[in-house]
């Protein structure tokens, strides 16, 4: 299943008496927030920044690129 661009959170917005659940995907596909790749990349970037003292412009460029590459590979592996 290729899901790098699927939403990370189809947030629940309503639970019906029948037990069914509506999510933000039922209302508008554009209103679901970050994709799995975007959220994973941001979380990895946050971890890298908090662990290492990376503050120069070149450090920030490396963090941005590395975070996306790592998130892509992790999500690809998870899809297997």
PDB file of N, CA and C in Angstrom:
ATOM      1  N   UNK A   1       0.851  -1.186   0.000  1.00  0.00           N
ATOM      2  CA  UNK A   1       0.000   0.000   0.000  1.00  0.00           C
ATOM      3  C   UNK A   1       0.889   1.239   0.000  1.00  0.00           C
ATOM      4  N   UNK A   2       0.754   2.051  -0.998  1.00  0.00           N
ATOM      5  CA  UNK A   2       1.543   3.280  -1.080  1.00  0.00           C
ATOM      6  C   UNK A   2       0.770   4.391  -0.381  1.00  0.00           C
ATOM      7  N   UNK A   3       1.251   4.822   0.768  1.00  0.00           N
ATOM      8  CA  UNK A   3       0.474   5.806   1.524  1.00  0.00           C
ATOM      9  C   UNK A   3       1.282   7.007   1.997  1.00  0.00           C
ATOM     10  N   UNK A   4       2.363   7.345   1.325  1.00  0.00           N
ATOM     11  CA  UNK A   4       3.176   8.477   1.762  1.00  0.00           C
ATOM     12  C   UNK A   4       2.397   9.782   1.746  1.00  0.00           C
ATOM     13  N   UNK A   5       1.439   9.901   0.831  1.00  0.00           N
ATOM     14  CA  UNK A   5       0.702  11.155   0.697  1.00  0.00           C
ATOM     15  C   UNK A   5      -0.667  11.114   1.357  1.00  0.00           C
ATOM     16  N   UNK A   6      -1.020   9.996   1.992  1.00  0.00           N
ATOM     17  CA  UNK A   6      -2.283   9.937   2.723  1.00  0.00           C
ATOM     18  C   UNK A   6      -2.171  10.754   3.999  1.00  0.00           C
ATOM     19  N   UNK A   7      -3.283  11.215   4.531  1.00  0.00           N
ATOM     20  CA  UNK A   7      -3.221  12.028   5.742  1.00  0.00           C
ATOM     21  C   UNK A   7      -2.726  11.231   6.949  1.00  0.00           C
ATOM     22  N   UNK A   8      -1.985  11.906   7.809  1.00  0.00           N
ATOM     23  CA  UNK A   8      -1.503  11.269   9.031  1.00  0.00           C
ATOM     24  C   UNK A   8      -2.639  11.083  10.029  1.00  0.00           C
ATOM     25  N   UNK A   9      -3.552  11.996   9.990  1.00  0.00           N
ATOM     26  CA  UNK A   9      -4.668  11.938  10.932  1.00  0.00           C
ATOM     27  C   UNK A   9      -5.995  12.209  10.240  1.00  0.00           C
ATOM     28  N   UNK A  10      -6.761  11.213   9.894  1.00  0.00           N
ATOM     29  CA  UNK A  10      -8.139  11.527   9.522  1.00  0.00           C
ATOM     30  C   UNK A  10      -8.912  11.744  10.826  1.00  0.00           C
ATOM     31  N   UNK A  11      -8.879  12.946  11.324  1.00  0.00           N
ATOM     32  CA  UNK A  11      -9.416  13.259  12.647  1.00  0.00           C
ATOM     33  C   UNK A  11     -10.899  12.947  12.756  1.00  0.00           C
ATOM     34  N   UNK A  12     -11.288  12.238  13.811  1.00  0.00           N
ATOM     35  CA  UNK A  12     -12.713  11.963  14.004  1.00  0.00           C
ATOM     36  C   UNK A  12     -13.439  13.252  14.385  1.00  0.00           C
ATOM     37  N   UNK A  13     -14.595  13.454  13.782  1.00  0.00           N
ATOM     38  CA  UNK A  13     -15.364  14.654  14.107  1.00  0.00           C
ATOM     39  C   UNK A  13     -16.768  14.338  14.605  1.00  0.00           C
ATOM     40  N   UNK A  14     -17.253  13.107  14.364  1.00  0.00           N
ATOM     41  CA  UNK A  14     -18.590  12.751  14.839  1.00  0.00           C
ATOM     42  C   UNK A  14     -18.716  11.238  14.955  1.00  0.00           C
ATOM     43  N   UNK A  15     -19.294  10.788  16.062  1.00  0.00           N
ATOM     44  CA  UNK A  15     -19.611   9.367  16.233  1.00  0.00           C
ATOM     45  C   UNK A  15     -21.131   9.257  16.279  1.00  0.00           C
ATOM     46  N   UNK A  16     -21.661   8.363  15.463  1.00  0.00           N
ATOM     47  CA  UNK A  16     -23.106   8.201  15.354  1.00  0.00           C
ATOM     48  C   UNK A  16     -23.583   7.089  16.277  1.00  0.00           C
ATOM     49  N   UNK A  17     -24.868   7.080  16.589  1.00  0.00           N
ATOM     50  CA  UNK A  17     -25.449   6.042  17.450  1.00  0.00           C
ATOM     51  C   UNK A  17     -25.245   4.650  16.885  1.00  0.00           C
ATOM     52  N   UNK A  18     -25.134   4.543  15.576  1.00  0.00           N
ATOM     53  CA  UNK A  18     -24.936   3.240  14.936  1.00  0.00           C
ATOM     54  C   UNK A  18     -23.509   2.726  15.111  1.00  0.00           C
ATOM     55  N   UNK A  19     -22.623   3.574  15.684  1.00  0.00           N
ATOM     56  CA  UNK A  19     -21.234   3.166  15.885  1.00  0.00           C
ATOM     57  C   UNK A  19     -20.303   3.624  14.783  1.00  0.00           C
ATOM     58  N   UNK A  20     -20.845   4.175  13.709  1.00  0.00           N
ATOM     59  CA  UNK A  20     -19.983   4.670  12.639  1.00  0.00           C
ATOM     60  C   UNK A  20     -19.328   5.979  13.054  1.00  0.00           C
ATOM     61  N   UNK A  21     -18.230   6.269  12.399  1.00  0.00           N
ATOM     62  CA  UNK A  21     -17.433   7.437  12.751  1.00  0.00           C
ATOM     63  C   UNK A  21     -17.180   8.268  11.505  1.00  0.00           C
ATOM     64  N   UNK A  22     -17.458   9.539  11.570  1.00  0.00           N
ATOM     65  CA  UNK A  22     -17.101  10.455  10.485  1.00  0.00           C
ATOM     66  C   UNK A  22     -15.773  11.108  10.830  1.00  0.00           C
ATOM     67  N   UNK A  23     -14.954  11.302   9.812  1.00  0.00           N
ATOM     68  CA  UNK A  23     -13.667  11.967  10.003  1.00  0.00           C
ATOM     69  C   UNK A  23     -13.608  13.194   9.111  1.00  0.00           C
ATOM     70  N   UNK A  24     -12.531  13.945   9.238  1.00  0.00           N
ATOM     71  CA  UNK A  24     -12.358  15.117   8.382  1.00  0.00           C
ATOM     72  C   UNK A  24     -12.305  14.726   6.913  1.00  0.00           C
ATOM     73  N   UNK A  25     -11.942  13.486   6.602  1.00  0.00           N
ATOM     74  CA  UNK A  25     -11.935  13.024   5.209  1.00  0.00           C
ATOM     75  C   UNK A  25     -13.341  13.006   4.626  1.00  0.00           C
ATOM     76  N   UNK A  26     -14.348  12.760   5.455  1.00  0.00           N
ATOM     77  CA  UNK A  26     -15.722  12.737   4.970  1.00  0.00           C
ATOM     78  C   UNK A  26     -16.216  14.127   4.591  1.00  0.00           C
ATOM     79  N   UNK A  27     -15.637  15.158   5.177  1.00  0.00           N
ATOM     80  CA  UNK A  27     -16.063  16.528   4.927  1.00  0.00           C
ATOM     81  C   UNK A  27     -15.298  17.133   3.762  1.00  0.00           C
ATOM     82  N   UNK A  28     -13.982  17.049   3.825  1.00  0.00           N
ATOM     83  CA  UNK A  28     -13.149  17.702   2.805  1.00  0.00           C
ATOM     84  C   UNK A  28     -11.766  17.101   2.867  1.00  0.00           C
ATOM     85  N   UNK A  29     -11.316  16.487   1.782  1.00  0.00           N
ATOM     86  CA  UNK A  29      -9.998  15.854   1.767  1.00  0.00           C
ATOM     87  C   UNK A  29      -8.870  16.851   1.950  1.00  0.00           C
ATOM     88  N   UNK A  30      -9.107  18.124   1.669  1.00  0.00           N
ATOM     89  CA  UNK A  30      -8.069  19.138   1.802  1.00  0.00           C
ATOM     90  C   UNK A  30      -7.916  19.635   3.239  1.00  0.00           C
ATOM     91  N   UNK A  31      -8.797  19.231   4.144  1.00  0.00           N
ATOM     92  CA  UNK A  31      -8.767  19.781   5.498  1.00  0.00           C
ATOM     93  C   UNK A  31      -8.197  18.817   6.530  1.00  0.00           C
ATOM     94  N   UNK A  32      -7.436  17.834   6.086  1.00  0.00           N
ATOM     95  CA  UNK A  32      -6.972  16.812   7.021  1.00  0.00           C
ATOM     96  C   UNK A  32      -5.613  17.106   7.640  1.00  0.00           C
ATOM     97  N   UNK A  33      -4.895  18.093   7.164  1.00  0.00           N
ATOM     98  CA  UNK A  33      -3.605  18.428   7.761  1.00  0.00           C
ATOM     99  C   UNK A  33      -2.441  17.765   7.045  1.00  0.00           C
ATOM    100  N   UNK A  34      -1.398  17.485   7.806  1.00  0.00           N
ATOM    101  CA  UNK A  34      -0.172  16.945   7.230  1.00  0.00           C
ATOM    102  C   UNK A  34      -0.350  15.530   6.698  1.00  0.00           C
ATOM    103  N   UNK A  35       0.427  15.223   5.638  1.00  0.00           N
ATOM    104  CA  UNK A  35       0.490  13.845   5.161  1.00  0.00           C
ATOM    105  C   UNK A  35       1.403  13.068   6.106  1.00  0.00           C
ATOM    106  N   UNK A  36       1.417  11.765   5.943  1.00  0.00           N
ATOM    107  CA  UNK A  36       2.301  10.936   6.766  1.00  0.00           C
ATOM    108  C   UNK A  36       3.756  11.316   6.548  1.00  0.00           C
ATOM    109  N   UNK A  37       4.132  11.582   5.302  1.00  0.00           N
ATOM    110  CA  UNK A  37       5.509  11.961   4.996  1.00  0.00           C
ATOM    111  C   UNK A  37       5.853  13.302   5.640  1.00  0.00           C
ATOM    112  N   UNK A  38       4.947  14.267   5.541  1.00  0.00           N
ATOM    113  CA  UNK A  38       5.209  15.582   6.130  1.00  0.00           C
ATOM    114  C   UNK A  38       5.333  15.486   7.650  1.00  0.00           C
ATOM    115  N   UNK A  39       4.400  14.797   8.282  1.00  0.00           N
ATOM    116  CA  UNK A  39       4.439  14.689   9.739  1.00  0.00           C
ATOM    117  C   UNK A  39       5.676  13.922  10.201  1.00  0.00           C
ATOM    118  N   UNK A  40       5.990  12.819   9.534  1.00  0.00           N
ATOM    119  CA  UNK A  40       7.185  12.061   9.892  1.00  0.00           C
ATOM    120  C   UNK A  40       8.444  12.893   9.745  1.00  0.00           C
ATOM    121  N   UNK A  41       8.525  13.656   8.671  1.00  0.00           N
ATOM    122  CA  UNK A  41       9.693  14.511   8.442  1.00  0.00           C
ATOM    123  C   UNK A  41       9.831  15.562   9.530  1.00  0.00           C
ATOM    124  N   UNK A  42       8.727  16.183   9.900  1.00  0.00           N
ATOM    125  CA  UNK A  42       8.760  17.198  10.952  1.00  0.00           C
ATOM    126  C   UNK A  42       9.170  16.605  12.295  1.00  0.00           C
ATOM    127  N   UNK A  43       8.656  15.420  12.607  1.00  0.00           N
ATOM    128  CA  UNK A  43       9.007  14.782  13.882  1.00  0.00           C
ATOM    129  C   UNK A  43      10.490  14.418  13.920  1.00  0.00           C
ATOM    130  N   UNK A  44      11.015  13.932  12.810  1.00  0.00           N
ATOM    131  CA  UNK A  44      12.434  13.581  12.758  1.00  0.00           C
ATOM    132  C   UNK A  44      13.308  14.823  12.830  1.00  0.00           C
ATOM    133  N   UNK A  45      12.895  15.880  12.166  1.00  0.00           N
ATOM    134  CA  UNK A  45      13.649  17.137  12.238  1.00  0.00           C
ATOM    135  C   UNK A  45      13.675  17.652  13.671  1.00  0.00           C
ATOM    136  N   UNK A  46      12.560  17.573  14.359  1.00  0.00           N
ATOM    137  CA  UNK A  46      12.500  18.011  15.754  1.00  0.00           C
ATOM    138  C   UNK A  46      13.461  17.191  16.614  1.00  0.00           C
ATOM    139  N   UNK A  47      13.504  15.883  16.387  1.00  0.00           N
ATOM    140  CA  UNK A  47      14.414  15.038  17.139  1.00  0.00           C
ATOM    141  C   UNK A  47      15.870  15.363  16.870  1.00  0.00           C
ATOM    142  N   UNK A  48      16.201  15.588  15.606  1.00  0.00           N
ATOM    143  CA  UNK A  48      17.588  15.931  15.259  1.00  0.00           C
ATOM    144  C   UNK A  48      17.997  17.259  15.888  1.00  0.00           C
ATOM    145  N   UNK A  49      17.123  18.248  15.819  1.00  0.00           N
ATOM    146  CA  UNK A  49      17.432  19.566  16.369  1.00  0.00           C
ATOM    147  C   UNK A  49      17.583  19.501  17.881  1.00  0.00           C
ATOM    148  N   UNK A  50      16.739  18.716  18.548  1.00  0.00           N
ATOM    149  CA  UNK A  50      16.816  18.664  20.007  1.00  0.00           C
ATOM    150  C   UNK A  50      18.028  17.873  20.502  1.00  0.00           C
ATOM    151  N   UNK A  51      18.512  16.927  19.705  1.00  0.00           N
ATOM    152  CA  UNK A  51      19.646  16.111  20.138  1.00  0.00           C
ATOM    153  C   UNK A  51      20.985  16.782  19.870  1.00  0.00           C
ATOM    154  N   UNK A  52      21.085  17.488  18.768  1.00  0.00           N
ATOM    155  CA  UNK A  52      22.358  18.082  18.377  1.00  0.00           C
ATOM    156  C   UNK A  52      22.241  19.598  18.337  1.00  0.00           C
ATOM    157  N   UNK A  53      23.359  20.277  18.519  1.00  0.00           N
ATOM    158  CA  UNK A  53      23.376  21.727  18.449  1.00  0.00           C
ATOM    159  C   UNK A  53      23.578  22.138  16.994  1.00  0.00           C
ATOM    160  N   UNK A  54      22.492  22.136  16.249  1.00  0.00           N
ATOM    161  CA  UNK A  54      22.556  22.414  14.820  1.00  0.00           C
ATOM    162  C   UNK A  54      21.862  23.747  14.553  1.00  0.00           C
ATOM    163  N   UNK A  55      22.645  24.793  14.420  1.00  0.00           N
ATOM    164  CA  UNK A  55      22.030  26.105  14.284  1.00  0.00           C
ATOM    165  C   UNK A  55      22.488  26.903  13.073  1.00  0.00           C
ATOM    166  N   UNK A  56      23.525  26.460  12.389  1.00  0.00           N
ATOM    167  CA  UNK A  56      23.992  27.215  11.227  1.00  0.00           C
ATOM    168  C   UNK A  56      23.054  26.967  10.042  1.00  0.00           C
ATOM    169  N   UNK A  57      23.056  27.869   9.053  1.00  0.00           N
ATOM    170  CA  UNK A  57      22.216  27.657   7.870  1.00  0.00           C
ATOM    171  C   UNK A  57      22.502  26.331   7.154  1.00  0.00           C
ATOM    172  N   UNK A  58      23.763  25.944   7.107  1.00  0.00           N
ATOM    173  CA  UNK A  58      24.074  24.669   6.438  1.00  0.00           C
ATOM    174  C   UNK A  58      23.547  23.486   7.251  1.00  0.00           C
ATOM    175  N   UNK A  59      23.607  23.594   8.590  1.00  0.00           N
ATOM    176  CA  UNK A  59      23.024  22.547   9.448  1.00  0.00           C
ATOM    177  C   UNK A  59      21.528  22.414   9.185  1.00  0.00           C
ATOM    178  N   UNK A  60      20.855  23.547   9.095  1.00  0.00           N
ATOM    179  CA  UNK A  60      19.410  23.537   8.895  1.00  0.00           C
ATOM    180  C   UNK A  60      19.044  22.924   7.550  1.00  0.00           C
ATOM    181  N   UNK A  61      19.853  23.165   6.542  1.00  0.00           N
ATOM    182  CA  UNK A  61      19.620  22.577   5.223  1.00  0.00           C
ATOM    183  C   UNK A  61      19.757  21.059   5.283  1.00  0.00           C
ATOM    184  N   UNK A  62      20.771  20.590   6.003  1.00  0.00           N
ATOM    185  CA  UNK A  62      20.989  19.149   6.149  1.00  0.00           C
ATOM    186  C   UNK A  62      19.822  18.515   6.909  1.00  0.00           C
ATOM    187  N   UNK A  63      19.365  19.162   7.958  1.00  0.00           N
ATOM    188  CA  UNK A  63      18.245  18.639   8.745  1.00  0.00           C
ATOM    189  C   UNK A  63      17.009  18.489   7.872  1.00  0.00           C
ATOM    190  N   UNK A  64      16.695  19.511   7.090  1.00  0.00           N
ATOM    191  CA  UNK A  64      15.501  19.466   6.246  1.00  0.00           C
ATOM    192  C   UNK A  64      15.583  18.317   5.243  1.00  0.00           C
ATOM    193  N   UNK A  65      16.714  18.177   4.585  1.00  0.00           N
ATOM    194  CA  UNK A  65      16.883  17.126   3.570  1.00  0.00           C
ATOM    195  C   UNK A  65      16.893  15.738   4.216  1.00  0.00           C
ATOM    196  N   UNK A  66      17.648  15.570   5.277  1.00  0.00           N
ATOM    197  CA  UNK A  66      17.774  14.274   5.931  1.00  0.00           C
ATOM    198  C   UNK A  66      16.444  13.808   6.524  1.00  0.00           C
ATOM    199  N   UNK A  67      15.691  14.714   7.101  1.00  0.00           N
ATOM    200  CA  UNK A  67      14.405  14.352   7.705  1.00  0.00           C
ATOM    201  C   UNK A  67      13.444  13.775   6.680  1.00  0.00           C
ATOM    202  N   UNK A  68      13.369  14.394   5.514  1.00  0.00           N
ATOM    203  CA  UNK A  68      12.476  13.905   4.456  1.00  0.00           C
ATOM    204  C   UNK A  68      12.957  12.557   3.943  1.00  0.00           C
ATOM    205  N   UNK A  69      14.264  12.409   3.752  1.00  0.00           N
ATOM    206  CA  UNK A  69      14.805  11.133   3.275  1.00  0.00           C
ATOM    207  C   UNK A  69      14.529  10.015   4.279  1.00  0.00           C
ATOM    208  N   UNK A  70      14.748  10.281   5.553  1.00  0.00           N
ATOM    209  CA  UNK A  70      14.496   9.266   6.575  1.00  0.00           C
ATOM    210  C   UNK A  70      13.023   8.901   6.649  1.00  0.00           C
ATOM    211  N   UNK A  71      12.163   9.896   6.653  1.00  0.00           N
ATOM    212  CA  UNK A  71      10.725   9.629   6.727  1.00  0.00           C
ATOM    213  C   UNK A  71      10.255   8.822   5.522  1.00  0.00           C
ATOM    214  N   UNK A  72      10.766   9.147   4.346  1.00  0.00           N
ATOM    215  CA  UNK A  72      10.386   8.410   3.140  1.00  0.00           C
ATOM    216  C   UNK A  72      10.782   6.945   3.261  1.00  0.00           C
ATOM    217  N   UNK A  73      12.002   6.688   3.672  1.00  0.00           N
ATOM    218  CA  UNK A  73      12.477   5.300   3.778  1.00  0.00           C
ATOM    219  C   UNK A  73      11.729   4.523   4.868  1.00  0.00           C
ATOM    220  N   UNK A  74      11.453   5.172   5.975  1.00  0.00           N
ATOM    221  CA  UNK A  74      10.720   4.499   7.057  1.00  0.00           C
ATOM    222  C   UNK A  74       9.303   4.154   6.620  1.00  0.00           C
ATOM    223  N   UNK A  75       8.627   5.091   5.972  1.00  0.00           N
ATOM    224  CA  UNK A  75       7.260   4.813   5.514  1.00  0.00           C
ATOM    225  C   UNK A  75       7.244   3.766   4.411  1.00  0.00           C
ATOM    226  N   UNK A  76       8.248   3.757   3.533  1.00  0.00           N
ATOM    227  CA  UNK A  76       8.337   2.710   2.513  1.00  0.00           C
ATOM    228  C   UNK A  76       8.501   1.341   3.172  1.00  0.00           C
ATOM    229  N   UNK A  77       9.343   1.284   4.168  1.00  0.00           N
ATOM    230  CA  UNK A  77       9.559   0.011   4.880  1.00  0.00           C
ATOM    231  C   UNK A  77       8.281  -0.421   5.592  1.00  0.00           C
ATOM    232  N   UNK A  78       7.591   0.515   6.173  1.00  0.00           N
ATOM    233  CA  UNK A  78       6.342   0.191   6.878  1.00  0.00           C
ATOM    234  C   UNK A  78       5.261  -0.298   5.908  1.00  0.00           C
ATOM    235  N   UNK A  79       5.339   0.115   4.657  1.00  0.00           N
ATOM    236  CA  UNK A  79       4.348  -0.295   3.656  1.00  0.00           C
ATOM    237  C   UNK A  79       4.536  -1.736   3.187  1.00  0.00           C
ATOM    238  N   UNK A  80       5.669  -2.336   3.492  1.00  0.00           N
ATOM    239  CA  UNK A  80       5.946  -3.701   3.006  1.00  0.00           C
ATOM    240  C   UNK A  80       5.066  -4.714   3.704  1.00  0.00           C
TER     241      UNK A  80
END
